PDB file of N, CA and C in Angstrom:
ATOM      1  N   UNK A   1      19.570  18.587 -29.748  1.00  0.00           N
ATOM      2  CA  UNK A   1      20.680  18.199 -28.915  1.00  0.00           C
ATOM      3  C   UNK A   1      20.333  18.487 -27.457  1.00  0.00           C
ATOM      4  N   UNK A   2      20.676  17.547 -26.571  1.00  0.00           N
ATOM      5  CA  UNK A   2      20.383  17.704 -25.156  1.00  0.00           C
ATOM      6  C   UNK A   2      21.280  18.772 -24.540  1.00  0.00           C
ATOM      7  N   UNK A   3      20.700  19.533 -23.644  1.00  0.00           N
ATOM      8  CA  UNK A   3      21.446  20.568 -22.948  1.00  0.00           C
ATOM      9  C   UNK A   3      22.315  19.911 -21.876  1.00  0.00           C
ATOM     10  N   UNK A   4      23.567  20.342 -21.773  1.00  0.00           N
ATOM     11  CA  UNK A   4      24.451  19.746 -20.769  1.00  0.00           C
ATOM     12  C   UNK A   4      24.108  20.289 -19.382  1.00  0.00           C
ATOM     13  N   UNK A   5      24.407  19.477 -18.381  1.00  0.00           N
ATOM     14  CA  UNK A   5      24.141  19.867 -17.001  1.00  0.00           C
ATOM     15  C   UNK A   5      25.121  20.931 -16.546  1.00  0.00           C
ATOM     16  N   UNK A   6      24.623  21.872 -15.772  1.00  0.00           N
ATOM     17  CA  UNK A   6      25.490  22.851 -15.153  1.00  0.00           C
ATOM     18  C   UNK A   6      26.164  22.157 -13.966  1.00  0.00           C
ATOM     19  N   UNK A   7      27.347  22.607 -13.582  1.00  0.00           N
ATOM     20  CA  UNK A   7      28.072  21.938 -12.499  1.00  0.00           C
ATOM     21  C   UNK A   7      27.237  21.729 -11.230  1.00  0.00           C
ATOM     22  N   UNK A   8      26.470  22.720 -10.822  1.00  0.00           N
ATOM     23  CA  UNK A   8      25.666  22.576  -9.603  1.00  0.00           C
ATOM     24  C   UNK A   8      24.567  21.525  -9.762  1.00  0.00           C
ATOM     25  N   UNK A   9      23.979  21.443 -10.946  1.00  0.00           N
ATOM     26  CA  UNK A   9      22.954  20.423 -11.202  1.00  0.00           C
ATOM     27  C   UNK A   9      23.571  19.034 -11.131  1.00  0.00           C
ATOM     28  N   UNK A  10      24.741  18.894 -11.728  1.00  0.00           N
ATOM     29  CA  UNK A  10      25.439  17.613 -11.734  1.00  0.00           C
ATOM     30  C   UNK A  10      25.755  17.182 -10.306  1.00  0.00           C
ATOM     31  N   UNK A  11      26.300  18.107  -9.527  1.00  0.00           N
ATOM     32  CA  UNK A  11      26.654  17.805  -8.140  1.00  0.00           C
ATOM     33  C   UNK A  11      25.417  17.388  -7.354  1.00  0.00           C
ATOM     34  N   UNK A  12      24.329  18.117  -7.515  1.00  0.00           N
ATOM     35  CA  UNK A  12      23.087  17.811  -6.788  1.00  0.00           C
ATOM     36  C   UNK A  12      22.569  16.429  -7.181  1.00  0.00           C
ATOM     37  N   UNK A  13      22.569  16.112  -8.456  1.00  0.00           N
ATOM     38  CA  UNK A  13      22.070  14.816  -8.911  1.00  0.00           C
ATOM     39  C   UNK A  13      22.972  13.679  -8.468  1.00  0.00           C
ATOM     40  N   UNK A  14      24.283  13.899  -8.479  1.00  0.00           N
ATOM     41  CA  UNK A  14      25.193  12.838  -8.047  1.00  0.00           C
ATOM     42  C   UNK A  14      25.078  12.615  -6.541  1.00  0.00           C
ATOM     43  N   UNK A  15      24.887  13.676  -5.780  1.00  0.00           N
ATOM     44  CA  UNK A  15      24.671  13.513  -4.331  1.00  0.00           C
ATOM     45  C   UNK A  15      23.415  12.698  -4.065  1.00  0.00           C
ATOM     46  N   UNK A  16      22.374  12.961  -4.833  1.00  0.00           N
ATOM     47  CA  UNK A  16      21.127  12.190  -4.707  1.00  0.00           C
ATOM     48  C   UNK A  16      21.406  10.713  -4.986  1.00  0.00           C
ATOM     49  N   UNK A  17      22.166  10.444  -6.047  1.00  0.00           N
ATOM     50  CA  UNK A  17      22.534   9.078  -6.379  1.00  0.00           C
ATOM     51  C   UNK A  17      23.269   8.424  -5.206  1.00  0.00           C
ATOM     52  N   UNK A  18      24.225   9.135  -4.613  1.00  0.00           N
ATOM     53  CA  UNK A  18      24.995   8.581  -3.496  1.00  0.00           C
ATOM     54  C   UNK A  18      24.103   8.289  -2.288  1.00  0.00           C
ATOM     55  N   UNK A  19      23.160   9.172  -2.008  1.00  0.00           N
ATOM     56  CA  UNK A  19      22.225   8.943  -0.899  1.00  0.00           C
ATOM     57  C   UNK A  19      21.396   7.689  -1.154  1.00  0.00           C
ATOM     58  N   UNK A  20      20.936   7.534  -2.382  1.00  0.00           N
ATOM     59  CA  UNK A  20      20.125   6.365  -2.731  1.00  0.00           C
ATOM     60  C   UNK A  20      20.954   5.078  -2.705  1.00  0.00           C
ATOM     61  N   UNK A  21      22.233   5.174  -3.088  1.00  0.00           N
ATOM     62  CA  UNK A  21      23.117   4.013  -3.056  1.00  0.00           C
ATOM     63  C   UNK A  21      23.262   3.516  -1.619  1.00  0.00           C
ATOM     64  N   UNK A  22      23.515   4.418  -0.700  1.00  0.00           N
ATOM     65  CA  UNK A  22      23.656   4.047   0.714  1.00  0.00           C
ATOM     66  C   UNK A  22      22.323   3.559   1.271  1.00  0.00           C
ATOM     67  N   UNK A  23      21.259   4.241   0.927  1.00  0.00           N
ATOM     68  CA  UNK A  23      19.927   3.860   1.388  1.00  0.00           C
ATOM     69  C   UNK A  23      19.572   2.442   0.946  1.00  0.00           C
ATOM     70  N   UNK A  24      19.908   2.096  -0.288  1.00  0.00           N
ATOM     71  CA  UNK A  24      19.617   0.758  -0.807  1.00  0.00           C
ATOM     72  C   UNK A  24      20.345  -0.302   0.015  1.00  0.00           C
ATOM     73  N   UNK A  25      21.600  -0.014   0.353  1.00  0.00           N
ATOM     74  CA  UNK A  25      22.366  -0.973   1.154  1.00  0.00           C
ATOM     75  C   UNK A  25      21.748  -1.127   2.537  1.00  0.00           C
ATOM     76  N   UNK A  26      21.407  -0.011   3.163  1.00  0.00           N
ATOM     77  CA  UNK A  26      20.818  -0.068   4.499  1.00  0.00           C
ATOM     78  C   UNK A  26      19.465  -0.778   4.481  1.00  0.00           C
ATOM     79  N   UNK A  27      18.642  -0.505   3.479  1.00  0.00           N
ATOM     80  CA  UNK A  27      17.340  -1.164   3.365  1.00  0.00           C
ATOM     81  C   UNK A  27      17.474  -2.665   3.182  1.00  0.00           C
ATOM     82  N   UNK A  28      18.554  -3.079   2.540  1.00  0.00           N
ATOM     83  CA  UNK A  28      18.752  -4.514   2.311  1.00  0.00           C
ATOM     84  C   UNK A  28      19.338  -5.212   3.533  1.00  0.00           C
ATOM     85  N   UNK A  29      19.766  -4.429   4.527  1.00  0.00           N
ATOM     86  CA  UNK A  29      20.319  -5.006   5.742  1.00  0.00           C
ATOM     87  C   UNK A  29      21.730  -5.545   5.577  1.00  0.00           C
ATOM     88  N   UNK A  30      22.442  -5.047   4.575  1.00  0.00           N
ATOM     89  CA  UNK A  30      23.797  -5.511   4.289  1.00  0.00           C
ATOM     90  C   UNK A  30      24.796  -4.462   4.784  1.00  0.00           C
ATOM     91  N   UNK A  31      25.830  -4.908   5.477  1.00  0.00           N
ATOM     92  CA  UNK A  31      26.880  -3.988   5.917  1.00  0.00           C
ATOM     93  C   UNK A  31      27.821  -3.707   4.752  1.00  0.00           C
ATOM     94  N   UNK A  32      28.637  -2.672   4.914  1.00  0.00           N
ATOM     95  CA  UNK A  32      29.633  -2.381   3.880  1.00  0.00           C
ATOM     96  C   UNK A  32      30.574  -3.570   3.692  1.00  0.00           C
ATOM     97  N   UNK A  33      30.945  -4.201   4.789  1.00  0.00           N
ATOM     98  CA  UNK A  33      31.858  -5.350   4.714  1.00  0.00           C
ATOM     99  C   UNK A  33      31.212  -6.509   3.954  1.00  0.00           C
ATOM    100  N   UNK A  34      29.923  -6.771   4.209  1.00  0.00           N
ATOM    101  CA  UNK A  34      29.225  -7.852   3.502  1.00  0.00           C
ATOM    102  C   UNK A  34      29.101  -7.540   2.012  1.00  0.00           C
ATOM    103  N   UNK A  35      28.757  -6.285   1.698  1.00  0.00           N
ATOM    104  CA  UNK A  35      28.628  -5.883   0.294  1.00  0.00           C
ATOM    105  C   UNK A  35      29.965  -6.049  -0.423  1.00  0.00           C
ATOM    106  N   UNK A  36      31.029  -5.632   0.224  1.00  0.00           N
ATOM    107  CA  UNK A  36      32.361  -5.743  -0.371  1.00  0.00           C
ATOM    108  C   UNK A  36      32.717  -7.203  -0.630  1.00  0.00           C
ATOM    109  N   UNK A  37      32.423  -8.051   0.326  1.00  0.00           N
ATOM    110  CA  UNK A  37      32.735  -9.475   0.167  1.00  0.00           C
ATOM    111  C   UNK A  37      31.981 -10.067  -1.014  1.00  0.00           C
ATOM    112  N   UNK A  38      30.707  -9.712  -1.156  1.00  0.00           N
ATOM    113  CA  UNK A  38      29.900 -10.225  -2.268  1.00  0.00           C
ATOM    114  C   UNK A  38      30.443  -9.779  -3.625  1.00  0.00           C
ATOM    115  N   UNK A  39      31.035  -8.586  -3.651  1.00  0.00           N
ATOM    116  CA  UNK A  39      31.586  -8.057  -4.907  1.00  0.00           C
ATOM    117  C   UNK A  39      33.054  -8.424  -5.106  1.00  0.00           C
ATOM    118  N   UNK A  40      33.644  -9.065  -4.105  1.00  0.00           N
ATOM    119  CA  UNK A  40      35.052  -9.417  -4.201  1.00  0.00           C
ATOM    120  C   UNK A  40      35.969  -8.206  -4.123  1.00  0.00           C
ATOM    121  N   UNK A  41      35.545  -7.215  -3.357  1.00  0.00           N
ATOM    122  CA  UNK A  41      36.296  -5.962  -3.220  1.00  0.00           C
ATOM    123  C   UNK A  41      36.561  -5.700  -1.731  1.00  0.00           C
ATOM    124  N   UNK A  42      37.481  -4.789  -1.421  1.00  0.00           N
ATOM    125  CA  UNK A  42      37.691  -4.413  -0.017  1.00  0.00           C
ATOM    126  C   UNK A  42      36.544  -3.526   0.479  1.00  0.00           C
ATOM    127  N   UNK A  43      36.354  -3.491   1.772  1.00  0.00           N
ATOM    128  CA  UNK A  43      35.295  -2.664   2.369  1.00  0.00           C
ATOM    129  C   UNK A  43      35.474  -1.201   1.994  1.00  0.00           C
ATOM    130  N   UNK A  44      36.711  -0.757   1.849  1.00  0.00           N
ATOM    131  CA  UNK A  44      36.965   0.642   1.499  1.00  0.00           C
ATOM    132  C   UNK A  44      36.374   1.006   0.137  1.00  0.00           C
ATOM    133  N   UNK A  45      36.238   0.030  -0.765  1.00  0.00           N
ATOM    134  CA  UNK A  45      35.615   0.273  -2.068  1.00  0.00           C
ATOM    135  C   UNK A  45      34.174   0.752  -1.881  1.00  0.00           C
ATOM    136  N   UNK A  46      33.415   0.060  -1.017  1.00  0.00           N
ATOM    137  CA  UNK A  46      32.018   0.438  -0.770  1.00  0.00           C
ATOM    138  C   UNK A  46      31.963   1.803  -0.110  1.00  0.00           C
ATOM    139  N   UNK A  47      32.807   2.020   0.883  1.00  0.00           N
ATOM    140  CA  UNK A  47      32.845   3.303   1.582  1.00  0.00           C
ATOM    141  C   UNK A  47      33.146   4.449   0.622  1.00  0.00           C
ATOM    142  N   UNK A  48      34.134   4.258  -0.236  1.00  0.00           N
ATOM    143  CA  UNK A  48      34.503   5.314  -1.184  1.00  0.00           C
ATOM    144  C   UNK A  48      33.421   5.560  -2.219  1.00  0.00           C
ATOM    145  N   UNK A  49      32.735   4.505  -2.645  1.00  0.00           N
ATOM    146  CA  UNK A  49      31.617   4.677  -3.586  1.00  0.00           C
ATOM    147  C   UNK A  49      30.498   5.474  -2.938  1.00  0.00           C
ATOM    148  N   UNK A  50      30.143   5.128  -1.699  1.00  0.00           N
ATOM    149  CA  UNK A  50      29.033   5.800  -1.019  1.00  0.00           C
ATOM    150  C   UNK A  50      29.352   7.240  -0.641  1.00  0.00           C
ATOM    151  N   UNK A  51      30.619   7.538  -0.400  1.00  0.00           N
ATOM    152  CA  UNK A  51      30.998   8.902  -0.001  1.00  0.00           C
ATOM    153  C   UNK A  51      31.252   9.811  -1.199  1.00  0.00           C
ATOM    154  N   UNK A  52      31.364   9.213  -2.381  1.00  0.00           N
ATOM    155  CA  UNK A  52      31.643  10.005  -3.574  1.00  0.00           C
ATOM    156  C   UNK A  52      33.126  10.164  -3.844  1.00  0.00           C
ATOM    157  N   UNK A  53      33.956   9.578  -2.989  1.00  0.00           N
ATOM    158  CA  UNK A  53      35.402   9.642  -3.208  1.00  0.00           C
ATOM    159  C   UNK A  53      35.794   8.872  -4.469  1.00  0.00           C
ATOM    160  N   UNK A  54      35.000   7.837  -4.776  1.00  0.00           N
ATOM    161  CA  UNK A  54      35.209   7.050  -5.990  1.00  0.00           C
ATOM    162  C   UNK A  54      33.933   7.104  -6.819  1.00  0.00           C
ATOM    163  N   UNK A  55      34.051   7.398  -8.097  1.00  0.00           N
ATOM    164  CA  UNK A  55      32.889   7.438  -8.993  1.00  0.00           C
ATOM    165  C   UNK A  55      32.390   6.034  -9.280  1.00  0.00           C
ATOM    166  N   UNK A  56      31.077   5.894  -9.360  1.00  0.00           N
ATOM    167  CA  UNK A  56      30.451   4.612  -9.669  1.00  0.00           C
ATOM    168  C   UNK A  56      30.018   4.653 -11.128  1.00  0.00           C
ATOM    169  N   UNK A  57      30.461   3.675 -11.922  1.00  0.00           N
ATOM    170  CA  UNK A  57      30.032   3.643 -13.319  1.00  0.00           C
ATOM    171  C   UNK A  57      28.739   2.832 -13.442  1.00  0.00           C
ATOM    172  N   UNK A  58      28.187   2.808 -14.638  1.00  0.00           N
ATOM    173  CA  UNK A  58      26.880   2.180 -14.825  1.00  0.00           C
ATOM    174  C   UNK A  58      26.903   0.686 -14.545  1.00  0.00           C
ATOM    175  N   UNK A  59      27.947   0.008 -14.960  1.00  0.00           N
ATOM    176  CA  UNK A  59      28.043  -1.436 -14.729  1.00  0.00           C
ATOM    177  C   UNK A  59      28.074  -1.720 -13.229  1.00  0.00           C
ATOM    178  N   UNK A  60      28.823  -0.916 -12.497  1.00  0.00           N
ATOM    179  CA  UNK A  60      28.861  -1.069 -11.039  1.00  0.00           C
ATOM    180  C   UNK A  60      27.502  -0.763 -10.420  1.00  0.00           C
ATOM    181  N   UNK A  61      26.818   0.249 -10.929  1.00  0.00           N
ATOM    182  CA  UNK A  61      25.476   0.579 -10.422  1.00  0.00           C
ATOM    183  C   UNK A  61      24.536  -0.607 -10.627  1.00  0.00           C
ATOM    184  N   UNK A  62      24.655  -1.283 -11.749  1.00  0.00           N
ATOM    185  CA  UNK A  62      23.840  -2.482 -11.993  1.00  0.00           C
ATOM    186  C   UNK A  62      24.166  -3.577 -10.982  1.00  0.00           C
ATOM    187  N   UNK A  63      25.453  -3.742 -10.672  1.00  0.00           N
ATOM    188  CA  UNK A  63      25.865  -4.753  -9.697  1.00  0.00           C
ATOM    189  C   UNK A  63      25.319  -4.421  -8.307  1.00  0.00           C
ATOM    190  N   UNK A  64      25.399  -3.158  -7.927  1.00  0.00           N
ATOM    191  CA  UNK A  64      24.843  -2.734  -6.635  1.00  0.00           C
ATOM    192  C   UNK A  64      23.339  -2.981  -6.602  1.00  0.00           C
ATOM    193  N   UNK A  65      22.657  -2.597  -7.666  1.00  0.00           N
ATOM    194  CA  UNK A  65      21.204  -2.769  -7.723  1.00  0.00           C
ATOM    195  C   UNK A  65      20.825  -4.243  -7.554  1.00  0.00           C
ATOM    196  N   UNK A  66      21.493  -5.119  -8.269  1.00  0.00           N
ATOM    197  CA  UNK A  66      21.192  -6.551  -8.177  1.00  0.00           C
ATOM    198  C   UNK A  66      21.455  -7.067  -6.764  1.00  0.00           C
ATOM    199  N   UNK A  67      22.560  -6.661  -6.178  1.00  0.00           N
ATOM    200  CA  UNK A  67      22.916  -7.125  -4.843  1.00  0.00           C
ATOM    201  C   UNK A  67      21.917  -6.646  -3.794  1.00  0.00           C
ATOM    202  N   UNK A  68      21.418  -5.435  -3.949  1.00  0.00           N
ATOM    203  CA  UNK A  68      20.494  -4.861  -2.975  1.00  0.00           C
ATOM    204  C   UNK A  68      19.024  -5.139  -3.296  1.00  0.00           C
ATOM    205  N   UNK A  69      18.762  -5.847  -4.400  1.00  0.00           N
ATOM    206  CA  UNK A  69      17.391  -6.171  -4.768  1.00  0.00           C
ATOM    207  C   UNK A  69      16.595  -4.968  -5.244  1.00  0.00           C
ATOM    208  N   UNK A  70      17.262  -4.061  -5.913  1.00  0.00           N
ATOM    209  CA  UNK A  70      16.628  -2.840  -6.424  1.00  0.00           C
ATOM    210  C   UNK A  70      16.781  -2.775  -7.938  1.00  0.00           C
ATOM    211  N   UNK A  71      15.881  -2.048  -8.564  1.00  0.00           N
ATOM    212  CA  UNK A  71      16.044  -1.713  -9.973  1.00  0.00           C
ATOM    213  C   UNK A  71      17.047  -0.557 -10.048  1.00  0.00           C
ATOM    214  N   UNK A  72      17.772  -0.446 -11.131  1.00  0.00           N
ATOM    215  CA  UNK A  72      18.741   0.646 -11.285  1.00  0.00           C
ATOM    216  C   UNK A  72      18.049   1.999 -11.127  1.00  0.00           C
ATOM    217  N   UNK A  73      16.799   2.077 -11.549  1.00  0.00           N
ATOM    218  CA  UNK A  73      16.042   3.332 -11.443  1.00  0.00           C
ATOM    219  C   UNK A  73      15.939   3.831 -10.004  1.00  0.00           C
ATOM    220  N   UNK A  74      16.040   2.929  -9.039  1.00  0.00           N
ATOM    221  CA  UNK A  74      15.971   3.312  -7.625  1.00  0.00           C
ATOM    222  C   UNK A  74      16.982   4.407  -7.305  1.00  0.00           C
ATOM    223  N   UNK A  75      18.168   4.311  -7.926  1.00  0.00           N
ATOM    224  CA  UNK A  75      19.240   5.240  -7.616  1.00  0.00           C
ATOM    225  C   UNK A  75      19.005   6.645  -8.157  1.00  0.00           C
ATOM    226  N   UNK A  76      18.118   6.797  -9.113  1.00  0.00           N
ATOM    227  CA  UNK A  76      17.930   8.110  -9.745  1.00  0.00           C
ATOM    228  C   UNK A  76      16.540   8.685  -9.550  1.00  0.00           C
ATOM    229  N   UNK A  77      15.679   7.971  -8.852  1.00  0.00           N
ATOM    230  CA  UNK A  77      14.333   8.474  -8.593  1.00  0.00           C
ATOM    231  C   UNK A  77      14.129   8.640  -7.097  1.00  0.00           C
ATOM    232  N   UNK A  78      12.982   9.163  -6.726  1.00  0.00           N
ATOM    233  CA  UNK A  78      12.616   9.260  -5.317  1.00  0.00           C
ATOM    234  C   UNK A  78      11.687   8.126  -4.917  1.00  0.00           C
ATOM    235  N   UNK A  79      11.370   7.274  -5.874  1.00  0.00           N
ATOM    236  CA  UNK A  79      10.457   6.169  -5.604  1.00  0.00           C
ATOM    237  C   UNK A  79      11.225   4.946  -5.135  1.00  0.00           C
ATOM    238  N   UNK A  80      10.544   4.058  -4.437  1.00  0.00           N
ATOM    239  CA  UNK A  80      11.157   2.824  -3.955  1.00  0.00           C
ATOM    240  C   UNK A  80      11.046   1.766  -5.030  1.00  0.00           C
ATOM    241  N   UNK A  81      11.907   1.852  -6.029  1.00  0.00           N
ATOM    242  CA  UNK A  81      11.864   0.929  -7.161  1.00  0.00           C
ATOM    243  C   UNK A  81      12.606  -0.356  -6.816  1.00  0.00           C
ATOM    244  N   UNK A  82      11.863  -1.389  -6.541  1.00  0.00           N
ATOM    245  CA  UNK A  82      12.459  -2.698  -6.271  1.00  0.00           C
ATOM    246  C   UNK A  82      12.483  -3.492  -7.568  1.00  0.00           C
ATOM    247  N   UNK A  83      13.295  -4.521  -7.582  1.00  0.00           N
ATOM    248  CA  UNK A  83      13.342  -5.387  -8.755  1.00  0.00           C
ATOM    249  C   UNK A  83      12.006  -6.106  -8.842  1.00  0.00           C
ATOM    250  N   UNK A  84      11.313  -6.007  -9.983  1.00  0.00           N
ATOM    251  CA  UNK A  84      10.032  -6.713 -10.104  1.00  0.00           C
ATOM    252  C   UNK A  84      10.232  -8.213 -10.000  1.00  0.00           C
ATOM    253  N   UNK A  85       9.382  -8.839  -9.222  1.00  0.00           N
ATOM    254  CA  UNK A  85       9.458 -10.299  -9.085  1.00  0.00           C
ATOM    255  C   UNK A  85       8.618 -10.945 -10.165  1.00  0.00           C
ATOM    256  N   UNK A  86       9.100 -12.053 -10.709  1.00  0.00           N
ATOM    257  CA  UNK A  86       8.323 -12.727 -11.755  1.00  0.00           C
ATOM    258  C   UNK A  86       6.991 -13.220 -11.206  1.00  0.00           C
ATOM    259  N   UNK A  87       5.987 -13.183 -12.059  1.00  0.00           N
ATOM    260  CA  UNK A  87       4.652 -13.656 -11.657  1.00  0.00           C
ATOM    261  C   UNK A  87       4.716 -15.144 -11.349  1.00  0.00           C
ATOM    262  N   UNK A  88       4.030 -15.544 -10.314  1.00  0.00           N
ATOM    263  CA  UNK A  88       3.985 -16.968  -9.972  1.00  0.00           C
ATOM    264  C   UNK A  88       2.903 -17.646 -10.763  1.00  0.00           C
ATOM    265  N   UNK A  89       3.213 -18.808 -11.183  1.00  0.00           N
ATOM    266  CA  UNK A  89       2.220 -19.585 -11.934  1.00  0.00           C
ATOM    267  C   UNK A  89       1.250 -20.215 -10.953  1.00  0.00           C
ATOM    268  N   UNK A  90       0.007 -20.193 -11.302  1.00  0.00           N
ATOM    269  CA  UNK A  90      -1.017 -20.859 -10.483  1.00  0.00           C
ATOM    270  C   UNK A  90      -1.072 -22.309 -10.863  1.00  0.00           C
ATOM    271  N   UNK A  91      -1.205 -23.137  -9.891  1.00  0.00           N
ATOM    272  CA  UNK A  91      -1.309 -24.578 -10.155  1.00  0.00           C
ATOM    273  C   UNK A  91      -2.707 -25.050  -9.992  1.00  0.00           C
TER     274      UNK A  91
END
């Protein structure tokens, strides 16, 4: 059985996730207002997600990743995990 996270570990890991979420948006050159419009949400939704005022679930994390051109792993690692591009066929 997996050991549960201690509160401080959880907080540290979630803060890391929030930093990566904001970083992904900034790297993509999208403002909070643009991100909100693409998701059909108010700008405050993006702000609250990035600040930790609102929890982000996995489905939302997938939506953010797709919008920012990142793999979901980007949010939980220190590596710059971009969405792999399909191989181009040679003609």
